[in-house]
Amino acid sequence: MQIDNAQNFHGILSRSPAMRDVFQIIQTAAQTEATVLVRGESGSGKELVARAIHQLSTRHNASFLAVNCAALSSNLLESELFGHVRGAFTGAIRDHHGVFQRAHGGTLFLDEIAELPLELQAKLLRVIQERNYVPVGGVISMPVNIRLVAATHRSLREEVKLGRFREDLMYRLRVVPIYLPPLRERREDISLLIWHFIKQHNAENGRKIEKIDPNAMRLLLDYTWRGNIRELHNVVEYTFAVGRGSVLKSTELPPEFRELSPVKTFHNEDEKGAIERALNETKNVNAAAQMLNMSRATFWRKRKQYDL
């Protein structure tokens, strides 16, 4: 499967029209110093967007650092962000440089920014406004020279209404908002990403997958992908772990795929798009009809109807 006709935008692989606007905003915003807020579901590639902004900016030769605000306790997160001086708390036996200092001159990516505790939100706001900060336990202000990109899977406006996020910080962060569509809204990318990850694993494993059984491909295309690209990658890894041979079969997919109901009847543009995708995937009329659970005669009639 060739991916030459797809767009690899600084590590973000897509041929979906829904992503074209995203790429344009990234390209434009990267030329500025504006703070960017990326909103997207878990596993949709928010860090790849942040890295693309960094790579396209004038800071591309400097550091890119990422911190997940949901992964650390409040005390550890404050130290990780702003650093601490020796003796600031029990166990602080030496000075520690936080990411604001380590990313100096580069880009800092704050993932899951909605999980930042309110007291740290206040400190982050001051850093953005004053371009300096004081390490935990310190008294000397340190200058800040970083490009800030934040990301969240939540609506910050809703978090503000619920009293969990500062409104003034929200406006500081979302100077340039970017919405990253979930994989279910980029269905053209599903097969593309499947083959991309298969190619990666073909190079790393003893198994070499050269073909996907039409029924397996139908299940993969119909799946909701709530975990987005991360889940898709995990499914490909699973097939390499449990399967054998050069053909990926439906029986090698995780158990949740075997619980899917049969393909429902398509309507209008959905049906036309499904037929077109099936033909592009299989390059074979019989296999495409089988993928969509149609008889060969029905498939031919539908092709003629939609002039495909």
Protein backbone atom coordinates (compact mmCIF):
# COMPACT_ATOMS: atom_id res chain seq x y z
CA MET A 1 0.00 0.00 0.00
CA GLN A 2 1.52 3.25 -1.13
CA ILE A 3 1.10 6.40 0.95
CA ASP A 4 2.72 8.72 -1.57
CA ASN A 5 -0.66 10.26 -2.43
CA ALA A 6 -1.19 11.20 1.22
CA GLN A 7 0.09 14.23 3.00
CA ASN A 8 2.72 13.78 5.67
CA PHE A 9 2.65 17.14 7.38
CA HIS A 10 5.59 17.14 9.75
CA GLY A 11 4.73 13.72 11.12
CA ILE A 12 0.94 14.10 10.88
CA LEU A 13 -0.24 11.63 8.25
CA SER A 14 -3.57 12.46 6.62
CA ARG A 15 -5.45 12.67 3.36
CA SER A 16 -8.64 13.95 4.98
CA PRO A 17 -10.13 17.30 3.92
CA ALA A 18 -10.95 17.86 7.61
CA MET A 19 -7.22 18.18 8.32
CA ARG A 20 -6.40 20.72 5.62
CA ASP A 21 -7.59 23.64 7.73
CA VAL A 22 -5.60 22.27 10.68
CA PHE A 23 -2.42 22.18 8.60
CA GLN A 24 -3.02 25.74 7.39
CA ILE A 25 -3.50 27.08 10.92
CA ILE A 26 -0.37 25.26 12.11
CA GLN A 27 1.63 26.69 9.22
CA THR A 28 0.42 30.24 9.89
CA ALA A 29 0.59 30.17 13.68
CA ALA A 30 4.11 28.72 13.67
CA GLN A 31 5.45 31.90 12.09
CA THR A 32 4.29 33.90 15.12
CA GLU A 33 4.99 33.71 18.85
CA ALA A 34 1.29 33.40 19.71
CA THR A 35 0.25 30.86 22.34
CA VAL A 36 -1.66 27.95 20.81
CA LEU A 37 -4.36 25.79 22.42
CA VAL A 38 -4.99 22.41 20.78
CA ARG A 39 -8.25 20.69 21.61
CA GLY A 40 -8.78 17.07 20.68
CA GLU A 41 -9.73 13.70 22.08
CA SER A 42 -7.22 11.43 23.76
CA GLY A 43 -5.00 9.72 21.20
CA SER A 44 -5.83 12.11 18.35
CA GLY A 45 -2.29 13.45 17.95
CA LYS A 46 -2.19 16.71 19.91
CA GLU A 47 1.52 16.41 20.69
CA LEU A 48 2.25 15.90 16.97
CA VAL A 49 0.53 19.25 16.33
CA ALA A 50 2.71 20.90 18.98
CA ARG A 51 5.85 19.36 17.48
CA ALA A 52 4.84 20.54 14.00
CA ILE A 53 4.43 24.10 15.30
CA HIS A 54 7.88 23.88 16.87
CA GLN A 55 9.49 22.45 13.72
CA LEU A 56 8.03 25.20 11.56
CA SER A 57 8.95 28.02 13.92
CA THR A 58 12.13 30.04 14.27
CA ARG A 59 12.77 28.07 17.46
CA HIS A 60 13.15 24.72 15.65
CA ASN A 61 16.84 24.40 16.53
CA ALA A 62 16.10 24.80 20.26
CA SER A 63 14.49 22.40 22.72
CA PHE A 64 10.97 20.98 22.56
CA LEU A 65 9.78 19.75 25.97
CA ALA A 66 6.43 18.20 26.90
CA VAL A 67 4.73 17.88 30.28
CA ASN A 68 1.48 16.02 30.96
CA CYS A 69 -0.30 18.07 33.62
CA ALA A 70 -2.50 15.10 34.57
CA ALA A 71 0.41 12.76 35.27
CA LEU A 72 1.89 14.45 38.35
CA SER A 73 0.65 15.54 41.76
CA SER A 74 0.31 19.27 42.39
CA ASN A 75 3.61 19.52 44.32
CA LEU A 76 5.60 17.50 41.81
CA LEU A 77 4.05 19.37 38.89
CA GLU A 78 4.97 22.77 40.37
CA SER A 79 8.58 21.64 40.77
CA GLU A 80 8.62 20.10 37.28
CA LEU A 81 7.33 23.32 35.73
CA PHE A 82 9.19 25.96 37.69
CA GLY A 83 12.03 24.07 39.36
CA HIS A 84 13.05 24.36 42.99
CA VAL A 85 16.03 25.48 45.06
CA ARG A 86 17.92 23.29 47.45
CA GLY A 87 16.12 22.98 50.78
CA ALA A 88 12.76 24.12 49.40
CA PHE A 89 11.15 20.99 50.85
CA THR A 90 12.14 17.66 52.36
CA GLY A 91 14.22 15.77 49.83
CA ALA A 92 15.25 18.85 47.84
CA ILE A 93 18.97 18.18 48.27
CA ARG A 94 19.99 20.19 45.20
CA ASP A 95 18.66 22.85 42.86
CA HIS A 96 16.34 21.51 40.17
CA HIS A 97 15.76 23.22 36.83
CA GLY A 98 12.12 23.10 35.73
CA VAL A 99 10.92 22.80 32.15
CA PHE A 100 10.46 26.55 31.81
CA GLN A 101 14.20 26.86 32.27
CA ARG A 102 15.18 23.74 30.32
CA ALA A 103 13.04 24.81 27.35
CA HIS A 104 14.61 28.28 27.26
CA GLY A 105 14.62 29.55 23.67
CA GLY A 106 12.44 26.66 22.52
CA THR A 107 8.88 25.35 22.82
CA LEU A 108 7.06 24.04 25.89
CA PHE A 109 4.05 21.77 25.38
CA LEU A 110 1.65 21.52 28.32
CA ASP A 111 -0.67 18.58 27.67
CA GLU A 112 -3.98 18.14 29.54
CA ILE A 113 -3.82 21.77 30.68
CA ALA A 114 -7.38 21.53 32.08
CA GLU A 115 -6.02 19.25 34.83
CA LEU A 116 -3.72 22.00 36.14
CA PRO A 117 -4.69 22.81 39.77
CA LEU A 118 -6.13 26.29 40.34
CA GLU A 119 -3.15 27.46 42.41
CA LEU A 120 -0.78 26.54 39.57
CA GLN A 121 -3.10 28.16 37.05
CA ALA A 122 -2.55 31.46 38.88
CA LYS A 123 1.22 30.98 38.77
CA LEU A 124 1.15 30.05 35.07
CA LEU A 125 -0.90 33.15 34.31
CA ARG A 126 1.70 35.34 36.00
CA VAL A 127 4.47 33.66 33.99
CA ILE A 128 2.63 34.33 30.71
CA GLN A 129 1.92 37.95 31.63
CA GLU A 130 5.24 38.90 33.22
CA ARG A 131 7.59 36.57 31.30
CA ASN A 132 9.38 35.51 34.47
CA TYR A 133 8.88 33.15 37.43
CA VAL A 134 10.34 32.25 40.82
CA PRO A 135 11.39 28.62 41.48
CA VAL A 136 9.78 26.82 44.42
CA GLY A 137 11.51 28.03 47.57
CA GLY A 138 13.42 30.70 45.67
CA VAL A 139 13.48 34.48 45.85
CA ILE A 140 15.12 35.41 42.53
CA SER A 141 12.99 35.83 39.41
CA MET A 142 14.05 33.87 36.32
CA PRO A 143 13.34 35.20 32.81
CA VAL A 144 11.13 33.14 30.49
CA ASN A 145 11.80 32.82 26.78
CA ILE A 146 9.65 30.00 25.46
CA ARG A 147 6.87 29.37 22.95
CA LEU A 148 3.90 27.89 24.79
CA VAL A 149 1.55 25.32 23.26
CA ALA A 150 -1.16 23.83 25.48
CA ALA A 151 -3.61 21.01 24.81
CA THR A 152 -6.75 19.55 26.34
CA HIS A 153 -9.49 17.04 25.58
CA ARG A 154 -11.96 19.13 27.59
CA SER A 155 -13.82 22.35 26.75
CA LEU A 156 -12.06 25.06 28.72
CA ARG A 157 -15.18 27.22 28.48
CA GLU A 158 -17.14 24.50 30.27
CA GLU A 159 -14.37 24.14 32.84
CA VAL A 160 -14.56 27.90 33.45
CA LYS A 161 -18.34 27.68 33.98
CA LEU A 162 -17.79 24.88 36.50
CA GLY A 163 -15.24 26.96 38.38
CA ARG A 164 -12.38 24.59 37.63
CA PHE A 165 -10.42 26.81 35.26
CA ARG A 166 -9.52 30.51 35.32
CA GLU A 167 -11.22 32.51 32.59
CA ASP A 168 -8.30 34.95 32.30
CA LEU A 169 -5.88 32.04 31.78
CA MET A 170 -8.16 30.47 29.19
CA TYR A 171 -8.02 33.63 27.07
CA ARG A 172 -4.23 33.79 27.46
CA LEU A 173 -3.89 30.21 26.27
CA ARG A 174 -6.33 30.17 23.35
CA VAL A 175 -4.88 33.05 21.33
CA VAL A 176 -4.79 30.57 18.45
CA PRO A 177 -7.24 27.70 19.04
CA ILE A 178 -6.83 24.53 16.96
CA TYR A 179 -9.49 21.81 16.90
CA LEU A 180 -8.10 18.38 16.01
CA PRO A 181 -10.85 16.16 14.54
CA PRO A 182 -11.18 12.64 15.99
CA LEU A 183 -10.40 9.70 13.75
CA ARG A 184 -14.11 8.92 13.23
CA GLU A 185 -14.39 12.31 11.46
CA ARG A 186 -11.35 11.51 9.31
CA ARG A 187 -12.40 8.11 8.00
CA GLU A 188 -10.26 8.54 4.89
CA ASP A 189 -7.25 8.27 7.21
CA ILE A 190 -8.12 4.93 8.83
CA SER A 191 -6.73 2.63 6.11
CA LEU A 192 -3.84 5.01 5.51
CA LEU A 193 -2.79 4.85 9.17
CA ILE A 194 -3.34 1.10 9.36
CA TRP A 195 -0.90 0.53 6.51
CA HIS A 196 1.49 3.11 7.93
CA PHE A 197 1.72 1.20 11.22
CA ILE A 198 1.81 -2.17 9.46
CA LYS A 199 4.81 -0.95 7.45
CA GLN A 200 6.54 0.10 10.68
CA HIS A 201 5.96 -3.27 12.32
CA ASN A 202 6.87 -5.21 9.17
CA ALA A 203 10.34 -3.72 9.51
CA GLU A 204 10.58 -4.63 13.20
CA ASN A 205 8.99 -8.09 13.45
CA GLY A 206 9.34 -11.54 11.96
CA ARG A 207 5.81 -11.32 10.60
CA LYS A 208 5.26 -9.42 7.34
CA ILE A 209 1.67 -8.42 6.58
CA GLU A 210 1.13 -7.87 2.86
CA LYS A 211 -2.66 -7.99 2.65
CA ILE A 212 -5.73 -7.37 4.82
CA ASP A 213 -8.66 -9.75 4.48
CA PRO A 214 -11.69 -7.76 3.16
CA ASN A 215 -13.83 -8.71 6.17
CA ALA A 216 -11.08 -7.56 8.53
CA MET A 217 -10.78 -4.28 6.63
CA ARG A 218 -14.56 -3.79 6.82
CA LEU A 219 -14.45 -4.22 10.61
CA LEU A 220 -11.54 -1.80 10.90
CA LEU A 221 -13.25 0.84 8.76
CA ASP A 222 -16.55 0.53 10.63
CA TYR A 223 -15.02 0.69 14.11
CA THR A 224 -15.67 3.87 16.16
CA TRP A 225 -12.01 4.32 17.28
CA ARG A 226 -12.80 6.04 20.59
CA GLY A 227 -9.10 5.92 21.41
CA ASN A 228 -8.28 7.46 18.02
CA ILE A 229 -4.84 6.98 16.43
CA ARG A 230 -3.31 5.61 19.64
CA GLU A 231 -5.95 2.87 19.76
CA LEU A 232 -5.46 2.10 16.07
CA HIS A 233 -1.73 1.67 16.60
CA ASN A 234 -2.41 -0.64 19.55
CA VAL A 235 -4.74 -2.77 17.40
CA VAL A 236 -2.04 -3.16 14.74
CA GLU A 237 0.44 -4.18 17.46
CA TYR A 238 -2.09 -6.74 18.72
CA THR A 239 -2.44 -8.34 15.28
CA PHE A 240 1.33 -8.74 15.04
CA ALA A 241 1.41 -10.31 18.49
CA VAL A 242 -1.34 -12.89 17.96
CA GLY A 243 -1.38 -13.50 14.20
CA ARG A 244 0.73 -15.38 11.70
CA GLY A 245 1.18 -15.22 7.96
CA SER A 246 1.09 -12.45 5.39
CA VAL A 247 -2.69 -11.83 5.54
CA LEU A 248 -4.30 -9.96 8.43
CA LYS A 249 -7.51 -11.87 9.22
CA SER A 250 -10.60 -10.73 11.12
CA THR A 251 -9.99 -13.48 13.70
CA GLU A 252 -6.71 -11.73 14.61
CA LEU A 253 -8.44 -8.50 15.64
CA PRO A 254 -9.08 -7.79 19.35
CA PRO A 255 -12.28 -9.27 20.88
CA GLU A 256 -14.23 -5.99 20.66
CA PHE A 257 -14.16 -6.21 16.86
CA ARG A 258 -15.94 -9.57 16.88
CA GLU A 259 -18.80 -7.95 18.81
CA LEU A 260 -19.55 -5.46 16.02
CA SER A 261 -22.90 -5.75 14.27
CA PRO A 262 -23.02 -6.38 10.51
CA VAL A 263 -22.65 -3.41 8.18
CA LYS A 264 -25.82 -1.33 7.99
CA THR A 265 -27.30 -0.02 4.76
CA PHE A 266 -25.66 3.19 3.60
CA HIS A 267 -27.54 6.20 2.28
CA ASN A 268 -26.76 8.87 -0.33
CA GLU A 269 -23.25 10.30 0.04
CA ASP A 270 -22.36 7.81 2.80
CA GLU A 271 -23.05 4.91 0.45
CA LYS A 272 -21.21 6.50 -2.46
CA GLY A 273 -18.21 7.26 -0.24
CA ALA A 274 -18.19 3.74 1.19
CA ILE A 275 -18.21 2.18 -2.28
CA GLU A 276 -15.44 4.49 -3.45
CA ARG A 277 -13.30 3.71 -0.38
CA ALA A 278 -13.87 -0.04 -0.79
CA LEU A 279 -12.74 0.10 -4.41
CA ASN A 280 -9.65 2.13 -3.50
CA GLU A 281 -8.77 -0.30 -0.74
CA THR A 282 -9.25 -3.60 -2.54
CA LYS A 283 -8.66 -2.67 -6.20
CA ASN A 284 -11.06 -5.56 -6.86
CA VAL A 285 -14.83 -5.47 -7.42
CA ASN A 286 -15.59 -8.81 -5.77
CA ALA A 287 -13.51 -7.99 -2.70
CA ALA A 288 -15.04 -4.48 -2.47
CA ALA A 289 -18.58 -5.95 -2.63
CA GLN A 290 -17.67 -8.47 0.08
CA MET A 291 -16.20 -5.70 2.27
CA LEU A 292 -19.54 -3.83 2.14
CA ASN A 293 -21.63 -6.99 2.57
CA MET A 294 -23.25 -6.49 -0.85
CA SER A 295 -23.92 -8.97 -3.60
CA ARG A 296 -21.80 -8.56 -6.73
CA ALA A 297 -24.87 -7.57 -8.76
CA THR A 298 -25.95 -4.94 -6.21
CA PHE A 299 -22.43 -3.56 -6.09
CA TRP A 300 -22.27 -3.21 -9.88
CA ARG A 301 -25.68 -1.50 -9.92
CA LYS A 302 -24.60 0.93 -7.20
CA ARG A 303 -21.34 1.72 -9.04
CA LYS A 304 -23.32 2.62 -12.15
CA GLN A 305 -25.79 4.67 -10.09
CA TYR A 306 -23.02 6.78 -8.55
CA ASP A 307 -20.92 6.87 -11.74
CA LEU A 308 -17.92 5.27 -10.04
